[in-house]
Amino acid sequence: MKRSIAVALVALVATGAAVAHLKAGDVTQVSATLSATTPANVQTRTYTCDNEMFEVTIGRWSGTATSATADLNGPAELHLKSVYNVTKKLGWADGRLRIRASDGSTTAGFSAVNVDGKLDGWLRGHAGRGDGSVLGSLTGSFSRTGGLTGGAIGAGSGLNAALIAERSDCSKAKTTKPSVRLLVRGTVDAVSGSAIGVKPSDGSATQTCAVTRPEDVSGVKQGDRVEMTCLQVAGAWQLAKLRRR
């Protein structure tokens, strides 16, 4: 029996298109779609390494996993660290996926290659409440601002990509120091992933600042009372901090 299970697992892995779900000594081919686009505590640092630009992003994104298999169906959280060579459009990501399924959470660690924003990886962990192990492919599109979209477990089209990461001489990227600060207390007049406008409480003209990180305005809507701090960089206002009042 043990030998037959091992053979079945090898056959599934060889196809590159399925997850093996072990339960009571048996295996079942399963799949799921996955989206995790709501950010929380996302931080990105930029480095220059041998004249190439790298972004190192750490954070959490929440969303939904959808599957006919109960263990892979429910609210999902993606904890991830991404190292991405912006110059070459090549990098990798390591992290943990948690799906709050109806009969207990499924948790799995994963590693993936990132080629121009496309993840090609492998995950392995525990399915549901004592339902066995889950292992298989993880694919999708990832960006530090958009999270994971078009994700798939045991489905989709993998890139079959590989990379070698070598040590290099890196330094933290220099940032332009702000020359002027702007503080506005008032009501949100308009907001999008690229800009936010706040109408000051004294009735003066709306002040608009560019949004460089969409997660900074996540959950903010028109009419909210806020305190907005912007910095003038290269002659343009950029949002530095936003706090609800």
C-alpha atoms as a PDB file:
ATOM      1  CA  MET A   1       0.000   0.000   0.000  1.00  0.00           C
ATOM      2  CA  LYS A   2       2.788   2.434   0.915  1.00  0.00           C
ATOM      3  CA  ARG A   3       4.537   1.777  -2.397  1.00  0.00           C
ATOM      4  CA  SER A   4       1.345   2.431  -4.388  1.00  0.00           C
ATOM      5  CA  ILE A   5       0.835   5.779  -2.618  1.00  0.00           C
ATOM      6  CA  ALA A   6       4.408   6.848  -3.412  1.00  0.00           C
ATOM      7  CA  VAL A   7       3.964   5.950  -7.068  1.00  0.00           C
ATOM      8  CA  ALA A   8       0.717   7.927  -7.227  1.00  0.00           C
ATOM      9  CA  LEU A   9       2.410  10.972  -5.743  1.00  0.00           C
ATOM     10  CA  VAL A  10       5.276  10.830  -8.235  1.00  0.00           C
ATOM     11  CA  ALA A  11       2.775  10.603 -11.088  1.00  0.00           C
ATOM     12  CA  LEU A  12       0.890  13.682  -9.879  1.00  0.00           C
ATOM     13  CA  VAL A  13       4.041  15.735  -9.355  1.00  0.00           C
ATOM     14  CA  ALA A  14       5.336  14.816 -12.796  1.00  0.00           C
ATOM     15  CA  THR A  15       2.300  16.426 -14.459  1.00  0.00           C
ATOM     16  CA  GLY A  16       3.042  19.772 -12.797  1.00  0.00           C
ATOM     17  CA  ALA A  17      -0.700  20.495 -12.669  1.00  0.00           C
ATOM     18  CA  ALA A  18      -2.084  18.969  -9.506  1.00  0.00           C
ATOM     19  CA  VAL A  19      -2.043  18.969  -5.748  1.00  0.00           C
ATOM     20  CA  ALA A  20      -1.886  15.698  -3.881  1.00  0.00           C
ATOM     21  CA  HIS A  21      -4.196  15.680  -0.856  1.00  0.00           C
ATOM     22  CA  LEU A  22      -3.493  12.798   1.531  1.00  0.00           C
ATOM     23  CA  LYS A  23      -6.267  11.431   3.737  1.00  0.00           C
ATOM     24  CA  ALA A  24      -6.596   8.019   5.360  1.00  0.00           C
ATOM     25  CA  GLY A  25      -3.808   6.584   3.219  1.00  0.00           C
ATOM     26  CA  ASP A  26      -5.352   7.748  -0.041  1.00  0.00           C
ATOM     27  CA  VAL A  27      -4.566  10.545  -2.526  1.00  0.00           C
ATOM     28  CA  THR A  28      -6.961  12.863  -4.348  1.00  0.00           C
ATOM     29  CA  GLN A  29      -6.191  15.349  -7.098  1.00  0.00           C
ATOM     30  CA  VAL A  30      -7.544  18.807  -6.187  1.00  0.00           C
ATOM     31  CA  SER A  31      -7.267  22.439  -7.282  1.00  0.00           C
ATOM     32  CA  ALA A  32      -8.255  25.963  -6.244  1.00  0.00           C
ATOM     33  CA  THR A  33      -8.254  29.531  -7.499  1.00  0.00           C
ATOM     34  CA  LEU A  34      -6.755  32.191  -5.261  1.00  0.00           C
ATOM     35  CA  SER A  35      -6.827  35.963  -4.942  1.00  0.00           C
ATOM     36  CA  ALA A  36      -5.193  38.002  -2.140  1.00  0.00           C
ATOM     37  CA  THR A  37      -5.213  41.735  -2.884  1.00  0.00           C
ATOM     38  CA  THR A  38      -6.022  43.504   0.406  1.00  0.00           C
ATOM     39  CA  PRO A  39      -2.695  44.629   1.944  1.00  0.00           C
ATOM     40  CA  ALA A  40      -1.701  44.894   5.611  1.00  0.00           C
ATOM     41  CA  ASN A  41       1.658  45.951   7.069  1.00  0.00           C
ATOM     42  CA  VAL A  42       3.311  45.949   3.647  1.00  0.00           C
ATOM     43  CA  GLN A  43       6.826  47.400   3.650  1.00  0.00           C
ATOM     44  CA  THR A  44       9.176  47.748   0.689  1.00  0.00           C
ATOM     45  CA  ARG A  45      12.856  48.698   0.709  1.00  0.00           C
ATOM     46  CA  THR A  46      14.790  49.487  -2.445  1.00  0.00           C
ATOM     47  CA  TYR A  47      18.464  48.643  -2.952  1.00  0.00           C
ATOM     48  CA  THR A  48      21.053  49.116  -5.662  1.00  0.00           C
ATOM     49  CA  CYS A  49      23.195  46.019  -6.190  1.00  0.00           C
ATOM     50  CA  ASP A  50      25.966  46.125  -8.816  1.00  0.00           C
ATOM     51  CA  ASN A  51      24.073  48.901 -10.646  1.00  0.00           C
ATOM     52  CA  GLU A  52      20.830  46.930 -10.626  1.00  0.00           C
ATOM     53  CA  MET A  53      17.727  47.868  -8.608  1.00  0.00           C
ATOM     54  CA  PHE A  54      16.154  45.438  -6.163  1.00  0.00           C
ATOM     55  CA  GLU A  55      12.899  45.676  -4.216  1.00  0.00           C
ATOM     56  CA  VAL A  56      12.519  43.700  -0.983  1.00  0.00           C
ATOM     57  CA  THR A  57       8.875  43.558   0.112  1.00  0.00           C
ATOM     58  CA  ILE A  58       7.443  42.014   3.284  1.00  0.00           C
ATOM     59  CA  GLY A  59       3.754  41.974   4.133  1.00  0.00           C
ATOM     60  CA  ARG A  60       0.399  40.280   4.345  1.00  0.00           C
ATOM     61  CA  TRP A  61      -2.419  40.203   1.806  1.00  0.00           C
ATOM     62  CA  SER A  62      -5.905  38.803   2.382  1.00  0.00           C
ATOM     63  CA  GLY A  63      -8.465  37.485  -0.067  1.00  0.00           C
ATOM     64  CA  THR A  64     -10.325  34.315  -1.000  1.00  0.00           C
ATOM     65  CA  ALA A  65      -9.554  30.761  -2.101  1.00  0.00           C
ATOM     66  CA  THR A  66     -12.257  29.015  -4.110  1.00  0.00           C
ATOM     67  CA  SER A  67     -12.388  25.251  -4.561  1.00  0.00           C
ATOM     68  CA  ALA A  68     -14.754  22.299  -4.741  1.00  0.00           C
ATOM     69  CA  THR A  69     -12.556  20.805  -2.014  1.00  0.00           C
ATOM     70  CA  ALA A  70     -13.640  22.097   1.406  1.00  0.00           C
ATOM     71  CA  ASP A  71     -10.073  22.257   2.740  1.00  0.00           C
ATOM     72  CA  LEU A  72      -9.103  24.753   0.003  1.00  0.00           C
ATOM     73  CA  ASN A  73     -12.241  26.902   0.086  1.00  0.00           C
ATOM     74  CA  GLY A  74     -12.601  30.020   2.230  1.00  0.00           C
ATOM     75  CA  PRO A  75     -10.963  33.308   3.315  1.00  0.00           C
ATOM     76  CA  ALA A  76      -7.230  33.309   2.590  1.00  0.00           C
ATOM     77  CA  GLU A  77      -4.181  35.104   3.996  1.00  0.00           C
ATOM     78  CA  LEU A  78      -0.841  35.309   2.219  1.00  0.00           C
ATOM     79  CA  HIS A  79       2.261  36.155   4.291  1.00  0.00           C
ATOM     80  CA  LEU A  80       5.120  36.790   1.906  1.00  0.00           C
ATOM     81  CA  LYS A  81       8.660  38.084   1.478  1.00  0.00           C
ATOM     82  CA  SER A  82       9.553  39.045  -2.086  1.00  0.00           C
ATOM     83  CA  VAL A  83      13.020  39.800  -3.464  1.00  0.00           C
ATOM     84  CA  TYR A  84      12.710  41.230  -6.959  1.00  0.00           C
ATOM     85  CA  ASN A  85      15.332  42.511  -9.400  1.00  0.00           C
ATOM     86  CA  VAL A  86      13.469  45.401 -11.039  1.00  0.00           C
ATOM     87  CA  THR A  87      16.181  45.785 -13.673  1.00  0.00           C
ATOM     88  CA  LYS A  88      16.024  42.164 -14.833  1.00  0.00           C
ATOM     89  CA  LYS A  89      12.360  41.607 -13.879  1.00  0.00           C
ATOM     90  CA  LEU A  90      13.390  38.470 -12.036  1.00  0.00           C
ATOM     91  CA  GLY A  91      13.255  37.365  -8.419  1.00  0.00           C
ATOM     92  CA  TRP A  92      11.681  35.029  -5.919  1.00  0.00           C
ATOM     93  CA  ALA A  93       9.164  34.872  -3.076  1.00  0.00           C
ATOM     94  CA  ASP A  94       8.900  32.796   0.099  1.00  0.00           C
ATOM     95  CA  GLY A  95       5.967  32.718   2.459  1.00  0.00           C
ATOM     96  CA  ARG A  96       2.992  31.037   4.030  1.00  0.00           C
ATOM     97  CA  LEU A  97      -0.601  30.580   2.858  1.00  0.00           C
ATOM     98  CA  ARG A  98      -3.511  30.100   5.244  1.00  0.00           C
ATOM     99  CA  ILE A  99      -7.028  29.193   4.126  1.00  0.00           C
ATOM    100  CA  ARG A 100      -9.737  29.379   6.800  1.00  0.00           C
ATOM    101  CA  ALA A 101     -11.776  26.420   5.586  1.00  0.00           C
ATOM    102  CA  SER A 102     -15.108  25.371   7.105  1.00  0.00           C
ATOM    103  CA  ASP A 103     -13.653  22.380   8.980  1.00  0.00           C
ATOM    104  CA  GLY A 104     -10.346  23.974  10.038  1.00  0.00           C
ATOM    105  CA  SER A 105      -7.538  26.022   8.572  1.00  0.00           C
ATOM    106  CA  THR A 106      -5.269  24.763   5.811  1.00  0.00           C
ATOM    107  CA  THR A 107      -1.726  26.128   6.157  1.00  0.00           C
ATOM    108  CA  ALA A 108       1.155  25.665   3.733  1.00  0.00           C
ATOM    109  CA  GLY A 109       4.588  27.130   3.176  1.00  0.00           C
ATOM    110  CA  PHE A 110       5.681  27.962  -0.347  1.00  0.00           C
ATOM    111  CA  SER A 111       8.589  29.166  -2.489  1.00  0.00           C
ATOM    112  CA  ALA A 112       8.226  30.601  -5.978  1.00  0.00           C
ATOM    113  CA  VAL A 113      10.245  32.115  -8.800  1.00  0.00           C
ATOM    114  CA  ASN A 114       9.019  35.538  -9.974  1.00  0.00           C
ATOM    115  CA  VAL A 115       9.485  36.234 -13.691  1.00  0.00           C
ATOM    116  CA  ASP A 116       8.158  39.671 -14.674  1.00  0.00           C
ATOM    117  CA  GLY A 117       5.464  39.512 -12.004  1.00  0.00           C
ATOM    118  CA  LYS A 118       4.450  35.889 -12.681  1.00  0.00           C
ATOM    119  CA  LEU A 119       4.914  33.409  -9.822  1.00  0.00           C
ATOM    120  CA  ASP A 120       5.832  29.789 -10.451  1.00  0.00           C
ATOM    121  CA  GLY A 121       6.156  27.872  -7.203  1.00  0.00           C
ATOM    122  CA  TRP A 122       5.498  24.930  -4.959  1.00  0.00           C
ATOM    123  CA  LEU A 123       3.607  24.671  -1.669  1.00  0.00           C
ATOM    124  CA  ARG A 124       3.390  22.035   1.029  1.00  0.00           C
ATOM    125  CA  GLY A 125       1.515  21.962   4.300  1.00  0.00           C
ATOM    126  CA  HIS A 126      -1.422  20.596   6.292  1.00  0.00           C
ATOM    127  CA  ALA A 127      -4.995  20.388   5.033  1.00  0.00           C
ATOM    128  CA  GLY A 128      -7.901  21.237   7.331  1.00  0.00           C
ATOM    129  CA  ARG A 129      -8.272  19.740  10.774  1.00  0.00           C
ATOM    130  CA  GLY A 130      -6.229  16.540  10.635  1.00  0.00           C
ATOM    131  CA  ASP A 131      -7.176  15.852   7.024  1.00  0.00           C
ATOM    132  CA  GLY A 132      -3.639  15.084   5.899  1.00  0.00           C
ATOM    133  CA  SER A 133      -1.112  16.931   3.767  1.00  0.00           C
ATOM    134  CA  VAL A 134      -1.509  19.244   0.828  1.00  0.00           C
ATOM    135  CA  LEU A 135       1.233  19.761  -1.761  1.00  0.00           C
ATOM    136  CA  GLY A 136       1.448  21.013  -5.310  1.00  0.00           C
ATOM    137  CA  SER A 137       1.925  23.942  -7.643  1.00  0.00           C
ATOM    138  CA  LEU A 138       1.218  27.612  -6.881  1.00  0.00           C
ATOM    139  CA  THR A 139       0.981  30.125  -9.729  1.00  0.00           C
ATOM    140  CA  GLY A 140      -0.347  33.642 -10.226  1.00  0.00           C
ATOM    141  CA  SER A 141       0.577  37.286 -10.773  1.00  0.00           C
ATOM    142  CA  PHE A 142       2.150  39.262  -7.919  1.00  0.00           C
ATOM    143  CA  SER A 143       3.081  42.878  -7.301  1.00  0.00           C
ATOM    144  CA  ARG A 144       3.835  44.753  -4.098  1.00  0.00           C
ATOM    145  CA  THR A 145       0.932  47.127  -4.757  1.00  0.00           C
ATOM    146  CA  GLY A 146      -1.614  44.661  -6.108  1.00  0.00           C
ATOM    147  CA  GLY A 147      -0.874  41.488  -4.142  1.00  0.00           C
ATOM    148  CA  LEU A 148      -1.707  38.125  -5.724  1.00  0.00           C
ATOM    149  CA  THR A 149      -4.162  37.989  -8.617  1.00  0.00           C
ATOM    150  CA  GLY A 150      -5.141  35.113 -10.886  1.00  0.00           C
ATOM    151  CA  GLY A 151      -3.680  32.672  -8.385  1.00  0.00           C
ATOM    152  CA  ALA A 152      -4.098  28.920  -8.752  1.00  0.00           C
ATOM    153  CA  ILE A 153      -3.251  25.875  -6.666  1.00  0.00           C
ATOM    154  CA  GLY A 154      -2.816  22.683  -8.667  1.00  0.00           C
ATOM    155  CA  ALA A 155      -4.025  24.411 -11.829  1.00  0.00           C
ATOM    156  CA  GLY A 156      -3.102  27.160 -14.278  1.00  0.00           C
ATOM    157  CA  SER A 157      -0.046  27.291 -16.509  1.00  0.00           C
ATOM    158  CA  GLY A 158       3.357  27.189 -14.848  1.00  0.00           C
ATOM    159  CA  LEU A 159       6.419  28.893 -16.297  1.00  0.00           C
ATOM    160  CA  ASN A 160       8.808  26.052 -15.467  1.00  0.00           C
ATOM    161  CA  ALA A 161      11.302  28.756 -14.476  1.00  0.00           C
ATOM    162  CA  ALA A 162      14.475  28.511 -12.399  1.00  0.00           C
ATOM    163  CA  LEU A 163      17.113  30.991 -11.235  1.00  0.00           C
ATOM    164  CA  ILE A 164      20.419  31.192  -9.408  1.00  0.00           C
ATOM    165  CA  ALA A 165      20.735  33.960  -6.805  1.00  0.00           C
ATOM    166  CA  GLU A 166      24.295  35.134  -6.064  1.00  0.00           C
ATOM    167  CA  ARG A 167      25.666  37.513  -3.453  1.00  0.00           C
ATOM    168  CA  SER A 168      26.391  41.028  -4.679  1.00  0.00           C
ATOM    169  CA  ASP A 169      27.435  44.418  -3.340  1.00  0.00           C
ATOM    170  CA  CYS A 170      24.238  46.241  -2.362  1.00  0.00           C
ATOM    171  CA  SER A 171      23.470  49.619  -0.876  1.00  0.00           C
ATOM    172  CA  LYS A 172      20.176  51.163   0.131  1.00  0.00           C
ATOM    173  CA  ALA A 173      18.839  53.297  -2.679  1.00  0.00           C
ATOM    174  CA  LYS A 174      19.151  57.040  -2.153  1.00  0.00           C
ATOM    175  CA  THR A 175      15.929  58.982  -1.869  1.00  0.00           C
ATOM    176  CA  THR A 176      15.363  62.630  -2.651  1.00  0.00           C
ATOM    177  CA  LYS A 177      14.953  64.616   0.568  1.00  0.00           C
ATOM    178  CA  PRO A 178      11.719  66.593   0.769  1.00  0.00           C
ATOM    179  CA  SER A 179      12.050  70.365   0.640  1.00  0.00           C
ATOM    180  CA  VAL A 180       8.549  71.297   1.918  1.00  0.00           C
ATOM    181  CA  ARG A 181       5.866  69.611   4.028  1.00  0.00           C
ATOM    182  CA  LEU A 182       2.116  70.049   3.735  1.00  0.00           C
ATOM    183  CA  LEU A 183      -0.308  69.229   6.572  1.00  0.00           C
ATOM    184  CA  VAL A 184      -4.039  69.213   5.823  1.00  0.00           C
ATOM    185  CA  ARG A 185      -6.865  68.429   8.263  1.00  0.00           C
ATOM    186  CA  GLY A 186     -10.246  68.010   6.661  1.00  0.00           C
ATOM    187  CA  THR A 187     -12.525  65.746   4.615  1.00  0.00           C
ATOM    188  CA  VAL A 188     -11.574  63.439   1.754  1.00  0.00           C
ATOM    189  CA  ASP A 189     -12.874  65.028  -1.445  1.00  0.00           C
ATOM    190  CA  ALA A 190     -11.614  62.339  -3.858  1.00  0.00           C
ATOM    191  CA  VAL A 191      -9.402  59.265  -3.588  1.00  0.00           C
ATOM    192  CA  SER A 192      -7.904  56.657  -5.929  1.00  0.00           C
ATOM    193  CA  GLY A 193      -4.883  54.396  -6.088  1.00  0.00           C
ATOM    194  CA  SER A 194      -2.831  57.241  -7.586  1.00  0.00           C
ATOM    195  CA  ALA A 195      -4.049  60.420  -5.825  1.00  0.00           C
ATOM    196  CA  ILE A 196      -6.011  61.761  -2.864  1.00  0.00           C
ATOM    197  CA  GLY A 197      -7.651  65.166  -2.411  1.00  0.00           C
ATOM    198  CA  VAL A 198      -8.570  66.593   1.001  1.00  0.00           C
ATOM    199  CA  LYS A 199     -10.839  69.596   1.565  1.00  0.00           C
ATOM    200  CA  PRO A 200      -9.433  71.600   4.540  1.00  0.00           C
ATOM    201  CA  SER A 201     -11.743  72.187   7.510  1.00  0.00           C
ATOM    202  CA  ASP A 202     -11.391  75.977   7.080  1.00  0.00           C
ATOM    203  CA  GLY A 203     -13.143  75.781   3.715  1.00  0.00           C
ATOM    204  CA  SER A 204     -10.123  76.601   1.571  1.00  0.00           C
ATOM    205  CA  ALA A 205      -9.312  74.863  -1.711  1.00  0.00           C
ATOM    206  CA  THR A 206      -8.872  71.083  -1.858  1.00  0.00           C
ATOM    207  CA  GLN A 207      -5.262  69.944  -1.581  1.00  0.00           C
ATOM    208  CA  THR A 208      -4.279  66.971  -3.773  1.00  0.00           C
ATOM    209  CA  CYS A 209      -1.269  64.710  -3.307  1.00  0.00           C
ATOM    210  CA  ALA A 210       0.010  61.831  -5.416  1.00  0.00           C
ATOM    211  CA  VAL A 211      -0.269  58.323  -3.944  1.00  0.00           C
ATOM    212  CA  THR A 212       2.857  56.231  -4.495  1.00  0.00           C
ATOM    213  CA  ARG A 213       1.669  53.253  -2.422  1.00  0.00           C
ATOM    214  CA  PRO A 214      -2.008  52.341  -2.965  1.00  0.00           C
ATOM    215  CA  GLU A 215      -2.065  50.469   0.335  1.00  0.00           C
ATOM    216  CA  ASP A 216      -1.721  53.855   2.118  1.00  0.00           C
ATOM    217  CA  VAL A 217      -5.272  54.759   1.060  1.00  0.00           C
ATOM    218  CA  SER A 218      -6.780  51.274   1.344  1.00  0.00           C
ATOM    219  CA  GLY A 219     -10.204  51.543   2.980  1.00  0.00           C
ATOM    220  CA  VAL A 220     -10.317  55.345   2.737  1.00  0.00           C
ATOM    221  CA  LYS A 221     -13.423  56.764   1.076  1.00  0.00           C
ATOM    222  CA  GLN A 222     -14.912  60.101   0.122  1.00  0.00           C
ATOM    223  CA  GLY A 223     -16.266  61.957   3.153  1.00  0.00           C
ATOM    224  CA  ASP A 224     -13.821  60.489   5.694  1.00  0.00           C
ATOM    225  CA  ARG A 225     -12.246  62.996   8.089  1.00  0.00           C
ATOM    226  CA  VAL A 226      -8.469  62.696   7.919  1.00  0.00           C
ATOM    227  CA  GLU A 227      -5.148  64.340   8.655  1.00  0.00           C
ATOM    228  CA  MET A 228      -2.934  64.218   5.580  1.00  0.00           C
ATOM    229  CA  THR A 229       0.798  64.876   5.477  1.00  0.00           C
ATOM    230  CA  CYS A 230       2.469  65.337   2.089  1.00  0.00           C
ATOM    231  CA  LEU A 231       6.055  65.973   1.044  1.00  0.00           C
ATOM    232  CA  GLN A 232       7.199  68.025  -1.912  1.00  0.00           C
ATOM    233  CA  VAL A 233       9.559  65.876  -3.971  1.00  0.00           C
ATOM    234  CA  ALA A 234      10.944  67.231  -7.236  1.00  0.00           C
ATOM    235  CA  GLY A 235       8.268  69.918  -7.232  1.00  0.00           C
ATOM    236  CA  ALA A 236       5.287  67.588  -6.731  1.00  0.00           C
ATOM    237  CA  TRP A 237       3.252  66.724  -3.616  1.00  0.00           C
ATOM    238  CA  GLN A 238       3.460  63.080  -2.531  1.00  0.00           C
ATOM    239  CA  LEU A 239       1.451  61.487   0.260  1.00  0.00           C
ATOM    240  CA  ALA A 240       3.657  60.642   3.232  1.00  0.00           C
ATOM    241  CA  LYS A 241       1.111  59.858   5.971  1.00  0.00           C
ATOM    242  CA  LEU A 242      -2.650  59.614   6.262  1.00  0.00           C
ATOM    243  CA  ARG A 243      -4.512  59.331   9.562  1.00  0.00           C
ATOM    244  CA  ARG A 244      -8.242  59.125  10.199  1.00  0.00           C
ATOM    245  CA  ARG A 245      -9.583  61.641  12.719  1.00  0.00           C
END
